[in-house]
Amino acid sequence: MLALQVGQCGNQLGRALFDKLAEEEDAASLSDSVFFRSPEDFCNHRSVNTRRARAVLIDMEPKVIQQCYKPLNNRKATAAWEYDPKNSFTRQSGSGNNWASGYRTQGTQVETELLDLLQSDFSRCRAQQEAQALDWALSSLKS
């Protein structure tokens, strides 16, 4: 599964989700993980035991994404994970909490670059249907 974390809420929600999944998922079953890539899935990695979340982080302002990349010191070794530094998309401008501005103005300017990043990551999924979007709209839905 590939998580698409969009905007401040989506990225914060995604980080909390992956923290919980890492706690609950057996570290011994990394090769079968739907949510994490095992260390064997990528080369030149600094830590043998660290999993990488199957996620793409998207925000027009870098602050939240930078926070997502900061390691948490209170994680147990068996729950250690990180984001792939190549799987984020950000700009310096931000959208000023204006979703419409980010979508209509900035979105059209960066569409090709963003789609290339997503296509690259989707190509590594076992099935093309394996995607979950996390953004502010989903967090406001009530069941």
N, C-alpha and C. Protein backbone atom coordinates (compact mmCIF):
# COMPACT_ATOMS: atom_id res chain seq x y z
N MET A 1 0.84 -1.17 0.00
CA MET A 1 0.00 0.00 0.00
C MET A 1 0.89 1.24 0.00
N LEU A 2 0.50 2.22 -0.76
CA LEU A 2 1.21 3.49 -0.82
C LEU A 2 0.31 4.56 -0.22
N ALA A 3 0.80 5.25 0.80
CA ALA A 3 0.05 6.33 1.42
C ALA A 3 0.43 7.64 0.77
N LEU A 4 -0.55 8.42 0.37
CA LEU A 4 -0.33 9.76 -0.16
C LEU A 4 -0.70 10.73 0.94
N GLN A 5 0.29 11.38 1.52
CA GLN A 5 0.08 12.29 2.64
C GLN A 5 0.10 13.71 2.09
N VAL A 6 -1.07 14.36 2.10
CA VAL A 6 -1.22 15.66 1.46
C VAL A 6 -1.54 16.74 2.49
N GLY A 7 -0.76 17.81 2.48
CA GLY A 7 -1.00 18.95 3.35
C GLY A 7 -0.58 18.69 4.79
N GLN A 8 -0.75 19.70 5.63
CA GLN A 8 -0.33 19.60 7.02
C GLN A 8 -1.05 18.48 7.75
N CYS A 9 -2.35 18.45 7.65
CA CYS A 9 -3.13 17.43 8.35
C CYS A 9 -2.80 16.04 7.84
N GLY A 10 -2.74 15.87 6.53
CA GLY A 10 -2.44 14.57 5.96
C GLY A 10 -1.08 14.04 6.37
N ASN A 11 -0.09 14.93 6.43
CA ASN A 11 1.25 14.51 6.83
C ASN A 11 1.34 14.19 8.32
N GLN A 12 0.68 14.97 9.14
CA GLN A 12 0.68 14.68 10.58
C GLN A 12 -0.10 13.40 10.87
N LEU A 13 -1.22 13.23 10.21
CA LEU A 13 -2.02 12.02 10.37
C LEU A 13 -1.24 10.80 9.88
N GLY A 14 -0.57 10.94 8.75
CA GLY A 14 0.22 9.84 8.20
C GLY A 14 1.34 9.41 9.13
N ARG A 15 2.02 10.38 9.72
CA ARG A 15 3.11 10.03 10.65
C ARG A 15 2.56 9.28 11.86
N ALA A 16 1.44 9.73 12.39
CA ALA A 16 0.83 9.04 13.53
C ALA A 16 0.39 7.63 13.14
N LEU A 17 -0.15 7.49 11.94
CA LEU A 17 -0.58 6.18 11.45
C LEU A 17 0.60 5.23 11.34
N PHE A 18 1.70 5.68 10.73
CA PHE A 18 2.86 4.81 10.58
C PHE A 18 3.51 4.49 11.92
N ASP A 19 3.48 5.42 12.87
CA ASP A 19 3.98 5.11 14.21
C ASP A 19 3.19 3.95 14.82
N LYS A 20 1.88 4.02 14.70
CA LYS A 20 1.01 2.97 15.25
C LYS A 20 1.21 1.65 14.52
N LEU A 21 1.28 1.69 13.20
CA LEU A 21 1.50 0.47 12.42
C LEU A 21 2.83 -0.18 12.77
N ALA A 22 3.87 0.63 12.95
CA ALA A 22 5.19 0.09 13.29
C ALA A 22 5.18 -0.58 14.66
N GLU A 23 4.43 -0.02 15.59
CA GLU A 23 4.32 -0.64 16.92
C GLU A 23 3.62 -1.99 16.84
N GLU A 24 2.60 -2.07 15.99
CA GLU A 24 1.78 -3.28 15.94
C GLU A 24 2.32 -4.35 14.99
N GLU A 25 3.06 -3.95 13.99
CA GLU A 25 3.54 -4.91 13.00
C GLU A 25 4.78 -5.62 13.52
N ASP A 26 4.83 -6.89 13.32
CA ASP A 26 5.96 -7.70 13.76
C ASP A 26 7.19 -7.34 12.94
N ALA A 27 8.25 -6.93 13.62
CA ALA A 27 9.48 -6.54 12.93
C ALA A 27 10.10 -7.71 12.17
N ALA A 28 9.81 -8.93 12.58
CA ALA A 28 10.37 -10.10 11.90
C ALA A 28 9.73 -10.35 10.54
N SER A 29 8.56 -9.78 10.31
CA SER A 29 7.85 -10.02 9.05
C SER A 29 7.99 -8.85 8.08
N LEU A 30 9.13 -8.19 8.10
CA LEU A 30 9.33 -7.01 7.26
C LEU A 30 9.17 -7.30 5.78
N SER A 31 9.62 -8.45 5.33
CA SER A 31 9.57 -8.73 3.90
C SER A 31 8.13 -8.86 3.40
N ASP A 32 7.19 -9.14 4.28
CA ASP A 32 5.79 -9.28 3.89
C ASP A 32 4.96 -8.04 4.18
N SER A 33 5.57 -6.98 4.63
CA SER A 33 4.84 -5.80 5.07
C SER A 33 4.15 -5.09 3.91
N VAL A 34 2.91 -4.70 4.15
CA VAL A 34 2.16 -3.92 3.19
C VAL A 34 2.47 -2.43 3.36
N PHE A 35 2.86 -2.04 4.57
CA PHE A 35 3.01 -0.64 4.91
C PHE A 35 4.45 -0.13 4.89
N PHE A 36 5.42 -1.03 5.01
CA PHE A 36 6.82 -0.63 5.08
C PHE A 36 7.66 -1.40 4.07
N ARG A 37 8.70 -0.75 3.58
CA ARG A 37 9.70 -1.43 2.77
C ARG A 37 10.78 -1.91 3.72
N SER A 38 11.22 -3.13 3.54
CA SER A 38 12.28 -3.66 4.40
C SER A 38 13.61 -3.06 3.98
N PRO A 39 14.61 -3.10 4.86
CA PRO A 39 15.92 -2.54 4.51
C PRO A 39 16.54 -3.19 3.27
N GLU A 40 16.16 -4.43 2.96
CA GLU A 40 16.70 -5.10 1.78
C GLU A 40 16.15 -4.52 0.47
N ASP A 41 15.06 -3.76 0.55
CA ASP A 41 14.43 -3.20 -0.65
C ASP A 41 15.16 -1.99 -1.21
N PHE A 42 16.14 -1.47 -0.51
CA PHE A 42 16.86 -0.30 -1.00
C PHE A 42 18.33 -0.42 -0.65
N CYS A 43 19.17 0.26 -1.41
CA CYS A 43 20.62 0.16 -1.24
C CYS A 43 21.16 1.38 -0.51
N ASN A 44 22.39 1.27 -0.05
CA ASN A 44 23.12 2.37 0.59
C ASN A 44 22.34 2.97 1.75
N HIS A 45 21.76 2.14 2.56
CA HIS A 45 20.98 2.63 3.69
C HIS A 45 21.85 2.64 4.94
N ARG A 46 21.68 3.63 5.77
CA ARG A 46 22.58 3.82 6.91
C ARG A 46 22.31 2.87 8.07
N SER A 47 21.12 2.33 8.17
CA SER A 47 20.77 1.49 9.31
C SER A 47 20.15 0.19 8.83
N VAL A 48 20.69 -0.91 9.28
CA VAL A 48 20.23 -2.22 8.82
C VAL A 48 18.81 -2.52 9.28
N ASN A 49 18.42 -2.05 10.45
CA ASN A 49 17.13 -2.43 11.04
C ASN A 49 16.00 -1.44 10.80
N THR A 50 16.21 -0.42 10.03
CA THR A 50 15.19 0.60 9.86
C THR A 50 14.34 0.35 8.63
N ARG A 51 13.03 0.33 8.84
CA ARG A 51 12.09 0.19 7.74
C ARG A 51 11.78 1.57 7.18
N ARG A 52 11.32 1.59 5.95
CA ARG A 52 10.88 2.85 5.35
C ARG A 52 9.40 2.75 5.01
N ALA A 53 8.68 3.79 5.38
CA ALA A 53 7.24 3.82 5.12
C ALA A 53 6.99 3.90 3.62
N ARG A 54 5.97 3.21 3.18
CA ARG A 54 5.54 3.30 1.78
C ARG A 54 4.62 4.51 1.69
N ALA A 55 5.22 5.67 1.47
CA ALA A 55 4.45 6.92 1.50
C ALA A 55 5.10 7.98 0.63
N VAL A 56 4.26 8.87 0.12
CA VAL A 56 4.72 10.07 -0.57
C VAL A 56 4.14 11.25 0.21
N LEU A 57 5.01 12.16 0.64
CA LEU A 57 4.61 13.33 1.42
C LEU A 57 4.50 14.53 0.50
N ILE A 58 3.36 15.22 0.53
CA ILE A 58 3.12 16.35 -0.37
C ILE A 58 2.65 17.55 0.44
N ASP A 59 3.33 18.67 0.27
CA ASP A 59 2.91 19.92 0.90
C ASP A 59 3.63 21.05 0.18
N MET A 60 2.97 22.18 0.04
CA MET A 60 3.59 23.32 -0.63
C MET A 60 4.50 24.12 0.29
N GLU A 61 4.52 23.76 1.57
CA GLU A 61 5.40 24.41 2.54
C GLU A 61 6.26 23.32 3.18
N PRO A 62 7.56 23.52 3.31
CA PRO A 62 8.44 22.45 3.79
C PRO A 62 8.38 22.15 5.28
N LYS A 63 7.84 23.03 6.09
CA LYS A 63 7.91 22.90 7.54
C LYS A 63 7.35 21.57 8.06
N VAL A 64 6.16 21.20 7.65
CA VAL A 64 5.53 19.98 8.16
C VAL A 64 6.28 18.74 7.68
N ILE A 65 6.71 18.75 6.44
CA ILE A 65 7.45 17.60 5.92
C ILE A 65 8.78 17.45 6.64
N GLN A 66 9.44 18.55 6.92
CA GLN A 66 10.69 18.49 7.69
C GLN A 66 10.45 17.88 9.06
N GLN A 67 9.33 18.22 9.68
CA GLN A 67 8.97 17.64 10.98
C GLN A 67 8.77 16.13 10.86
N CYS A 68 8.18 15.69 9.76
CA CYS A 68 7.95 14.26 9.56
C CYS A 68 9.26 13.49 9.46
N TYR A 69 10.29 14.11 8.93
CA TYR A 69 11.58 13.44 8.76
C TYR A 69 12.41 13.41 10.04
N LYS A 70 12.04 14.17 11.05
CA LYS A 70 12.79 14.15 12.30
C LYS A 70 12.53 12.83 13.02
N PRO A 71 13.59 12.19 13.51
CA PRO A 71 13.39 10.92 14.22
C PRO A 71 12.76 11.14 15.59
N LEU A 72 11.99 10.17 16.01
CA LEU A 72 11.41 10.20 17.35
C LEU A 72 12.30 9.40 18.29
N ASN A 73 12.72 10.00 19.36
CA ASN A 73 13.63 9.33 20.29
C ASN A 73 12.93 8.31 21.19
N ASN A 74 11.62 8.40 21.28
CA ASN A 74 10.91 7.50 22.19
C ASN A 74 10.45 6.20 21.52
N ARG A 75 10.85 5.95 20.29
CA ARG A 75 10.47 4.71 19.61
C ARG A 75 11.29 3.54 20.13
N LYS A 76 10.65 2.39 20.24
CA LYS A 76 11.37 1.17 20.55
C LYS A 76 12.15 0.75 19.31
N ALA A 77 13.23 0.03 19.50
CA ALA A 77 14.06 -0.40 18.36
C ALA A 77 13.25 -1.24 17.38
N THR A 78 12.33 -2.06 17.88
CA THR A 78 11.53 -2.91 17.00
C THR A 78 10.50 -2.10 16.21
N ALA A 79 10.22 -0.89 16.65
CA ALA A 79 9.24 -0.05 15.97
C ALA A 79 9.90 1.06 15.15
N ALA A 80 11.21 0.97 14.95
CA ALA A 80 11.93 2.01 14.22
C ALA A 80 11.52 2.02 12.74
N TRP A 81 11.31 3.22 12.23
CA TRP A 81 10.98 3.39 10.82
C TRP A 81 11.31 4.82 10.43
N GLU A 82 11.31 5.08 9.13
CA GLU A 82 11.57 6.42 8.61
C GLU A 82 10.90 6.57 7.26
N TYR A 83 10.84 7.81 6.79
CA TYR A 83 10.36 8.09 5.43
C TYR A 83 11.55 8.08 4.49
N ASP A 84 11.31 7.69 3.25
CA ASP A 84 12.33 7.77 2.21
C ASP A 84 12.51 9.24 1.84
N PRO A 85 13.72 9.78 1.95
CA PRO A 85 13.92 11.21 1.66
C PRO A 85 13.61 11.59 0.22
N LYS A 86 13.58 10.62 -0.69
CA LYS A 86 13.27 10.92 -2.09
C LYS A 86 11.77 10.98 -2.35
N ASN A 87 10.96 10.60 -1.38
CA ASN A 87 9.52 10.51 -1.59
C ASN A 87 8.75 11.67 -0.97
N SER A 88 9.24 12.87 -1.19
CA SER A 88 8.49 14.03 -0.73
C SER A 88 8.47 15.09 -1.82
N PHE A 89 7.43 15.89 -1.76
CA PHE A 89 7.28 16.97 -2.73
C PHE A 89 6.88 18.22 -1.97
N THR A 90 7.69 19.24 -2.08
CA THR A 90 7.41 20.47 -1.36
C THR A 90 7.94 21.67 -2.14
N ARG A 91 7.42 22.82 -1.79
CA ARG A 91 7.88 24.10 -2.34
C ARG A 91 8.09 25.04 -1.16
N GLN A 92 8.69 26.16 -1.39
CA GLN A 92 8.95 27.13 -0.32
C GLN A 92 7.77 28.06 -0.06
N SER A 93 6.89 28.20 -1.03
CA SER A 93 5.87 29.24 -0.96
C SER A 93 4.74 28.96 0.02
N GLY A 94 4.28 27.74 0.12
CA GLY A 94 3.11 27.44 0.94
C GLY A 94 1.84 27.96 0.27
N SER A 95 0.71 27.61 0.85
CA SER A 95 -0.58 28.03 0.30
C SER A 95 -1.36 28.89 1.28
N GLY A 96 -0.77 29.24 2.40
CA GLY A 96 -1.43 30.11 3.37
C GLY A 96 -2.74 29.57 3.88
N ASN A 97 -2.81 28.26 4.16
CA ASN A 97 -4.05 27.62 4.62
C ASN A 97 -5.20 27.81 3.64
N ASN A 98 -4.88 27.96 2.38
CA ASN A 98 -5.90 28.14 1.35
C ASN A 98 -5.80 26.97 0.37
N TRP A 99 -6.61 25.95 0.60
CA TRP A 99 -6.56 24.74 -0.21
C TRP A 99 -6.80 25.07 -1.68
N ALA A 100 -7.73 25.94 -1.98
CA ALA A 100 -8.04 26.30 -3.37
C ALA A 100 -6.83 26.90 -4.07
N SER A 101 -6.08 27.74 -3.37
CA SER A 101 -4.87 28.32 -3.95
C SER A 101 -3.84 27.25 -4.26
N GLY A 102 -3.65 26.33 -3.34
CA GLY A 102 -2.70 25.25 -3.57
C GLY A 102 -3.12 24.37 -4.72
N TYR A 103 -4.41 24.09 -4.82
CA TYR A 103 -4.91 23.20 -5.86
C TYR A 103 -4.93 23.87 -7.23
N ARG A 104 -5.54 25.04 -7.33
CA ARG A 104 -5.74 25.70 -8.62
C ARG A 104 -4.50 26.41 -9.14
N THR A 105 -3.77 27.08 -8.27
CA THR A 105 -2.64 27.88 -8.71
C THR A 105 -1.35 27.06 -8.72
N GLN A 106 -0.93 26.63 -7.55
CA GLN A 106 0.33 25.90 -7.47
C GLN A 106 0.24 24.50 -8.05
N GLY A 107 -0.90 23.86 -7.88
CA GLY A 107 -1.08 22.51 -8.39
C GLY A 107 -0.87 22.41 -9.89
N THR A 108 -1.39 23.35 -10.62
CA THR A 108 -1.22 23.32 -12.08
C THR A 108 0.23 23.57 -12.48
N GLN A 109 0.97 24.30 -11.67
CA GLN A 109 2.37 24.60 -11.98
C GLN A 109 3.29 23.41 -11.74
N VAL A 110 2.93 22.54 -10.82
CA VAL A 110 3.82 21.44 -10.44
C VAL A 110 3.25 20.06 -10.80
N GLU A 111 2.17 20.05 -11.54
CA GLU A 111 1.46 18.80 -11.83
C GLU A 111 2.36 17.73 -12.44
N THR A 112 3.12 18.05 -13.46
CA THR A 112 3.96 17.06 -14.14
C THR A 112 5.01 16.48 -13.20
N GLU A 113 5.68 17.35 -12.47
CA GLU A 113 6.72 16.89 -11.54
C GLU A 113 6.14 15.99 -10.45
N LEU A 114 4.99 16.37 -9.94
CA LEU A 114 4.34 15.58 -8.89
C LEU A 114 3.87 14.23 -9.43
N LEU A 115 3.29 14.22 -10.61
CA LEU A 115 2.83 12.96 -11.20
C LEU A 115 4.00 12.02 -11.49
N ASP A 116 5.15 12.56 -11.89
CA ASP A 116 6.33 11.73 -12.11
C ASP A 116 6.77 11.04 -10.81
N LEU A 117 6.75 11.79 -9.71
CA LEU A 117 7.11 11.22 -8.41
C LEU A 117 6.13 10.11 -8.02
N LEU A 118 4.85 10.37 -8.19
CA LEU A 118 3.83 9.38 -7.84
C LEU A 118 3.94 8.14 -8.72
N GLN A 119 4.16 8.34 -10.01
CA GLN A 119 4.28 7.20 -10.93
C GLN A 119 5.47 6.33 -10.55
N SER A 120 6.56 6.95 -10.19
CA SER A 120 7.75 6.21 -9.78
C SER A 120 7.45 5.32 -8.58
N ASP A 121 6.73 5.84 -7.62
CA ASP A 121 6.43 5.05 -6.43
C ASP A 121 5.32 4.03 -6.68
N PHE A 122 4.32 4.39 -7.47
CA PHE A 122 3.27 3.42 -7.79
C PHE A 122 3.83 2.22 -8.53
N SER A 123 4.86 2.42 -9.33
CA SER A 123 5.43 1.31 -10.09
C SER A 123 6.04 0.26 -9.17
N ARG A 124 6.34 0.61 -7.93
CA ARG A 124 6.90 -0.35 -6.98
C ARG A 124 5.83 -1.06 -6.16
N CYS A 125 4.57 -0.68 -6.33
CA CYS A 125 3.48 -1.36 -5.62
C CYS A 125 3.19 -2.70 -6.28
N ARG A 126 2.74 -3.64 -5.47
CA ARG A 126 2.39 -4.96 -6.01
C ARG A 126 1.14 -4.89 -6.89
N ALA A 127 0.22 -4.04 -6.53
CA ALA A 127 -1.00 -3.85 -7.31
C ALA A 127 -1.28 -2.35 -7.38
N GLN A 128 -1.73 -1.89 -8.51
CA GLN A 128 -1.93 -0.45 -8.70
C GLN A 128 -3.05 0.11 -7.82
N GLN A 129 -3.90 -0.76 -7.27
CA GLN A 129 -4.99 -0.28 -6.43
C GLN A 129 -4.53 0.02 -5.01
N GLU A 130 -3.30 -0.27 -4.67
CA GLU A 130 -2.81 -0.12 -3.31
C GLU A 130 -2.42 1.31 -3.00
N ALA A 131 -3.38 2.17 -2.76
CA ALA A 131 -3.08 3.55 -2.40
C ALA A 131 -4.10 4.05 -1.38
N GLN A 132 -3.64 4.87 -0.47
CA GLN A 132 -4.50 5.47 0.54
C GLN A 132 -4.14 6.94 0.61
N ALA A 133 -5.12 7.80 0.42
CA ALA A 133 -4.88 9.24 0.50
C ALA A 133 -5.21 9.73 1.90
N LEU A 134 -4.31 10.52 2.46
CA LEU A 134 -4.53 11.12 3.77
C LEU A 134 -4.44 12.63 3.60
N ASP A 135 -5.54 13.32 3.84
CA ASP A 135 -5.51 14.78 3.76
C ASP A 135 -6.56 15.36 4.70
N TRP A 136 -6.70 16.65 4.69
CA TRP A 136 -7.62 17.30 5.62
C TRP A 136 -9.07 16.89 5.39
N ALA A 137 -9.46 16.64 4.16
CA ALA A 137 -10.85 16.29 3.86
C ALA A 137 -11.20 14.94 4.48
N LEU A 138 -10.29 13.98 4.38
CA LEU A 138 -10.56 12.67 4.96
C LEU A 138 -10.62 12.73 6.48
N SER A 139 -9.83 13.60 7.07
CA SER A 139 -9.83 13.67 8.53
C SER A 139 -11.11 14.29 9.07
N SER A 140 -11.85 15.00 8.23
CA SER A 140 -13.07 15.65 8.70
C SER A 140 -14.32 14.81 8.44
N LEU A 141 -14.17 13.67 7.77
CA LEU A 141 -15.32 12.81 7.50
C LEU A 141 -15.75 12.11 8.78
N LYS A 142 -17.04 11.96 8.94
CA LYS A 142 -17.58 11.24 10.10
C LYS A 142 -18.28 9.99 9.62
N SER A 143 -18.12 8.91 10.37
CA SER A 143 -18.77 7.66 9.96
C SER A 143 -20.13 7.51 10.58
